[in-house]
C-alpha atoms as a PDB file:
ATOM      1  CA  MET A   1     -25.861 -10.839  44.189  1.00  0.00           C
ATOM      2  CA  SER A   2     -24.182 -14.225  44.696  1.00  0.00           C
ATOM      3  CA  VAL A   3     -26.105 -17.008  46.424  1.00  0.00           C
ATOM      4  CA  THR A   4     -22.872 -18.843  47.263  1.00  0.00           C
ATOM      5  CA  MET A   5     -22.154 -19.321  50.957  1.00  0.00           C
ATOM      6  CA  SER A   6     -18.893 -18.209  52.538  1.00  0.00           C
ATOM      7  CA  ARG A   7     -16.621 -20.850  54.059  1.00  0.00           C
ATOM      8  CA  GLU A   8     -17.940 -20.067  57.548  1.00  0.00           C
ATOM      9  CA  GLU A   9     -21.580 -20.153  56.382  1.00  0.00           C
ATOM     10  CA  ARG A  10     -21.218 -23.482  54.585  1.00  0.00           C
ATOM     11  CA  GLU A  11     -19.390 -25.101  57.494  1.00  0.00           C
ATOM     12  CA  GLN A  12     -21.991 -23.887  60.004  1.00  0.00           C
ATOM     13  CA  PHE A  13     -24.817 -25.108  57.758  1.00  0.00           C
ATOM     14  CA  LEU A  14     -23.213 -28.527  57.266  1.00  0.00           C
ATOM     15  CA  ALA A  15     -22.663 -28.815  61.028  1.00  0.00           C
ATOM     16  CA  GLY A  16     -26.446 -28.514  61.516  1.00  0.00           C
ATOM     17  CA  VAL A  17     -28.711 -31.537  61.771  1.00  0.00           C
ATOM     18  CA  HIS A  18     -29.886 -32.525  58.292  1.00  0.00           C
ATOM     19  CA  VAL A  19     -30.677 -35.877  56.760  1.00  0.00           C
ATOM     20  CA  ALA A  20     -28.313 -35.753  53.794  1.00  0.00           C
ATOM     21  CA  VAL A  21     -28.145 -37.650  50.525  1.00  0.00           C
ATOM     22  CA  LEU A  22     -24.906 -39.554  50.013  1.00  0.00           C
ATOM     23  CA  SER A  23     -23.969 -40.270  46.401  1.00  0.00           C
ATOM     24  CA  VAL A  24     -21.250 -42.598  45.205  1.00  0.00           C
ATOM     25  CA  ALA A  25     -20.345 -44.272  41.920  1.00  0.00           C
ATOM     26  CA  SER A  26     -21.629 -47.848  41.650  1.00  0.00           C
ATOM     27  CA  PRO A  27     -18.794 -50.367  41.456  1.00  0.00           C
ATOM     28  CA  ASP A  28     -20.739 -52.405  38.877  1.00  0.00           C
ATOM     29  CA  GLY A  29     -20.723 -49.561  36.344  1.00  0.00           C
ATOM     30  CA  GLY A  30     -24.401 -48.750  36.824  1.00  0.00           C
ATOM     31  CA  GLY A  31     -25.763 -45.382  37.806  1.00  0.00           C
ATOM     32  CA  PRO A  32     -24.636 -43.754  41.025  1.00  0.00           C
ATOM     33  CA  LEU A  33     -25.984 -44.970  44.340  1.00  0.00           C
ATOM     34  CA  ALA A  34     -27.811 -42.170  46.198  1.00  0.00           C
ATOM     35  CA  VAL A  35     -29.142 -42.835  49.712  1.00  0.00           C
ATOM     36  CA  PRO A  36     -30.301 -40.739  52.675  1.00  0.00           C
ATOM     37  CA  VAL A  37     -27.894 -40.835  55.630  1.00  0.00           C
ATOM     38  CA  TRP A  38     -27.175 -39.438  59.043  1.00  0.00           C
ATOM     39  CA  TYR A  39     -23.780 -37.780  59.280  1.00  0.00           C
ATOM     40  CA  ALA A  40     -21.571 -35.887  61.714  1.00  0.00           C
ATOM     41  CA  TYR A  41     -19.507 -32.802  60.938  1.00  0.00           C
ATOM     42  CA  GLN A  42     -17.689 -30.137  62.909  1.00  0.00           C
ATOM     43  CA  PRO A  43     -16.294 -27.092  61.033  1.00  0.00           C
ATOM     44  CA  GLY A  44     -12.834 -27.872  59.696  1.00  0.00           C
ATOM     45  CA  GLY A  45     -13.208 -31.607  60.354  1.00  0.00           C
ATOM     46  CA  THR A  46     -14.218 -34.636  58.357  1.00  0.00           C
ATOM     47  CA  VAL A  47     -17.724 -35.580  57.254  1.00  0.00           C
ATOM     48  CA  ASP A  48     -18.402 -38.874  59.045  1.00  0.00           C
ATOM     49  CA  VAL A  49     -20.937 -41.490  57.935  1.00  0.00           C
ATOM     50  CA  ILE A  50     -21.466 -44.749  59.828  1.00  0.00           C
ATOM     51  CA  THR A  51     -22.834 -47.835  58.095  1.00  0.00           C
ATOM     52  CA  GLY A  52     -22.663 -51.603  58.159  1.00  0.00           C
ATOM     53  CA  SER A  53     -19.468 -52.997  56.643  1.00  0.00           C
ATOM     54  CA  GLY A  54     -21.429 -55.387  54.407  1.00  0.00           C
ATOM     55  CA  THR A  55     -23.831 -52.849  52.891  1.00  0.00           C
ATOM     56  CA  ARG A  56     -24.038 -51.892  49.232  1.00  0.00           C
ATOM     57  CA  LYS A  57     -23.178 -48.332  50.284  1.00  0.00           C
ATOM     58  CA  ALA A  58     -19.984 -49.484  52.035  1.00  0.00           C
ATOM     59  CA  ALA A  59     -18.914 -51.564  49.031  1.00  0.00           C
ATOM     60  CA  ALA A  60     -19.459 -48.648  46.665  1.00  0.00           C
ATOM     61  CA  ILE A  61     -17.545 -46.194  48.869  1.00  0.00           C
ATOM     62  CA  ARG A  62     -14.656 -48.638  49.293  1.00  0.00           C
ATOM     63  CA  ALA A  63     -14.469 -49.125  45.505  1.00  0.00           C
ATOM     64  CA  ALA A  64     -14.668 -45.409  44.690  1.00  0.00           C
ATOM     65  CA  GLY A  65     -12.528 -44.203  47.596  1.00  0.00           C
ATOM     66  CA  ARG A  66     -14.723 -41.114  47.893  1.00  0.00           C
ATOM     67  CA  PHE A  67     -18.313 -39.917  48.036  1.00  0.00           C
ATOM     68  CA  SER A  68     -20.380 -36.762  47.867  1.00  0.00           C
ATOM     69  CA  LEU A  69     -22.950 -35.598  50.377  1.00  0.00           C
ATOM     70  CA  CYS A  70     -25.739 -33.071  49.899  1.00  0.00           C
ATOM     71  CA  ALA A  71     -27.442 -31.504  52.926  1.00  0.00           C
ATOM     72  CA  GLN A  72     -30.376 -29.175  52.358  1.00  0.00           C
ATOM     73  CA  ASP A  73     -32.964 -27.045  54.065  1.00  0.00           C
ATOM     74  CA  GLU A  74     -36.277 -27.701  52.338  1.00  0.00           C
ATOM     75  CA  ARG A  75     -37.959 -24.634  53.825  1.00  0.00           C
ATOM     76  CA  PRO A  76     -37.845 -21.351  51.910  1.00  0.00           C
ATOM     77  CA  PRO A  77     -35.538 -19.624  51.431  1.00  0.00           C
ATOM     78  CA  TYR A  78     -33.822 -22.786  50.245  1.00  0.00           C
ATOM     79  CA  LYS A  79     -30.236 -23.626  51.153  1.00  0.00           C
ATOM     80  CA  TYR A  80     -27.953 -26.528  50.394  1.00  0.00           C
ATOM     81  CA  VAL A  81     -24.367 -27.615  50.753  1.00  0.00           C
ATOM     82  CA  THR A  82     -22.791 -30.338  48.664  1.00  0.00           C
ATOM     83  CA  VAL A  83     -19.357 -31.589  49.634  1.00  0.00           C
ATOM     84  CA  GLU A  84     -17.186 -34.247  47.998  1.00  0.00           C
ATOM     85  CA  GLY A  85     -13.845 -35.841  48.731  1.00  0.00           C
ATOM     86  CA  PRO A  86     -11.722 -38.888  49.542  1.00  0.00           C
ATOM     87  CA  VAL A  87     -12.356 -41.128  52.540  1.00  0.00           C
ATOM     88  CA  THR A  88     -10.578 -43.102  55.199  1.00  0.00           C
ATOM     89  CA  ILE A  89     -12.267 -46.083  56.832  1.00  0.00           C
ATOM     90  CA  GLU A  90     -12.245 -47.097  60.503  1.00  0.00           C
ATOM     91  CA  GLU A  91     -14.249 -49.344  62.770  1.00  0.00           C
ATOM     92  CA  ALA A  92     -17.081 -47.329  64.330  1.00  0.00           C
ATOM     93  CA  SER A  93     -16.959 -47.214  68.113  1.00  0.00           C
ATOM     94  CA  HIS A  94     -20.010 -47.677  70.306  1.00  0.00           C
ATOM     95  CA  ASP A  95     -19.611 -44.085  71.530  1.00  0.00           C
ATOM     96  CA  GLU A  96     -19.521 -42.714  67.960  1.00  0.00           C
ATOM     97  CA  ARG A  97     -22.667 -44.617  67.067  1.00  0.00           C
ATOM     98  CA  LEU A  98     -24.394 -43.409  70.210  1.00  0.00           C
ATOM     99  CA  GLU A  99     -23.415 -39.785  69.590  1.00  0.00           C
ATOM    100  CA  LEU A 100     -24.699 -39.923  65.999  1.00  0.00           C
ATOM    101  CA  ALA A 101     -27.978 -41.594  66.979  1.00  0.00           C
ATOM    102  CA  ARG A 102     -28.534 -39.049  69.752  1.00  0.00           C
ATOM    103  CA  ARG A 103     -27.819 -36.222  67.279  1.00  0.00           C
ATOM    104  CA  TYR A 104     -30.779 -37.333  65.168  1.00  0.00           C
ATOM    105  CA  LEU A 105     -33.105 -39.003  67.675  1.00  0.00           C
ATOM    106  CA  GLY A 106     -32.370 -37.258  70.967  1.00  0.00           C
ATOM    107  CA  PRO A 107     -30.939 -38.944  74.080  1.00  0.00           C
ATOM    108  CA  GLU A 108     -33.732 -41.443  74.716  1.00  0.00           C
ATOM    109  CA  GLY A 109     -34.361 -42.315  71.072  1.00  0.00           C
ATOM    110  CA  GLY A 110     -30.645 -42.534  70.316  1.00  0.00           C
ATOM    111  CA  ASP A 111     -30.003 -44.867  73.237  1.00  0.00           C
ATOM    112  CA  ALA A 112     -32.905 -47.098  72.174  1.00  0.00           C
ATOM    113  CA  TYR A 113     -31.715 -47.142  68.544  1.00  0.00           C
ATOM    114  CA  VAL A 114     -28.162 -48.193  69.430  1.00  0.00           C
ATOM    115  CA  SER A 115     -29.411 -50.797  71.927  1.00  0.00           C
ATOM    116  CA  ALA A 116     -31.628 -52.336  69.250  1.00  0.00           C
ATOM    117  CA  ASN A 117     -28.890 -52.336  66.576  1.00  0.00           C
ATOM    118  CA  PRO A 118     -25.651 -54.176  67.398  1.00  0.00           C
ATOM    119  CA  THR A 119     -22.310 -52.411  66.999  1.00  0.00           C
ATOM    120  CA  ASP A 120     -20.509 -55.353  65.371  1.00  0.00           C
ATOM    121  CA  GLY A 121     -19.541 -54.740  61.753  1.00  0.00           C
ATOM    122  CA  GLN A 122     -20.195 -50.988  61.830  1.00  0.00           C
ATOM    123  CA  ILE A 123     -17.632 -48.774  60.099  1.00  0.00           C
ATOM    124  CA  VAL A 124     -17.189 -45.048  59.787  1.00  0.00           C
ATOM    125  CA  PHE A 125     -16.207 -43.369  56.537  1.00  0.00           C
ATOM    126  CA  ARG A 126     -14.373 -40.106  57.219  1.00  0.00           C
ATOM    127  CA  MET A 127     -14.504 -37.826  54.187  1.00  0.00           C
ATOM    128  CA  SER A 128     -12.022 -34.984  53.762  1.00  0.00           C
ATOM    129  CA  ALA A 129     -13.865 -32.182  51.995  1.00  0.00           C
ATOM    130  CA  GLU A 130     -12.178 -31.240  48.712  1.00  0.00           C
ATOM    131  CA  HIS A 131     -14.999 -29.750  46.654  1.00  0.00           C
ATOM    132  CA  TRP A 132     -17.917 -27.637  47.857  1.00  0.00           C
ATOM    133  CA  LEU A 133     -21.050 -26.406  46.090  1.00  0.00           C
ATOM    134  CA  THR A 134     -23.410 -24.136  48.017  1.00  0.00           C
ATOM    135  CA  VAL A 135     -26.584 -22.112  47.562  1.00  0.00           C
ATOM    136  CA  ASP A 136     -28.353 -19.807  50.006  1.00  0.00           C
ATOM    137  CA  GLN A 137     -31.458 -18.299  48.413  1.00  0.00           C
ATOM    138  CA  SER A 138     -31.906 -15.922  51.359  1.00  0.00           C
ATOM    139  CA  LYS A 139     -29.061 -13.886  49.867  1.00  0.00           C
ATOM    140  CA  VAL A 140     -31.371 -13.020  46.970  1.00  0.00           C
ATOM    141  CA  HIS A 141     -34.785 -13.135  48.591  1.00  0.00           C
ATOM    142  CA  GLY A 142     -33.594 -12.149  52.065  1.00  0.00           C
END
């Protein structure tokens, strides 16, 4: 039996709250940069990651024009979704930052996080999913 998720399964999984690992080629020719990130995704939409415009991550994504993201469930039966594709870049709005922080920290924690971290210089990378890799071990061990 295949452990690959259907399109609907992978999109629903990716829409869940997971700290994901973003990977992108290093512009200096070194190994890839891999960092944990918060992200936002709605089925059929873009995978959105907000970061400071002057970060190493932002520089690497700008240079590569794309990134990959891996979200996983570490509890058995294990599941993961990896998605990769090209990006567009926009200035991140206060509301977008607040929504993302609340997604991960709840209303009170999200509000406190955004209040403590200024909005200036924050950008959002919007990735259009081109390539997917998925595993759902419950399909074997279910």
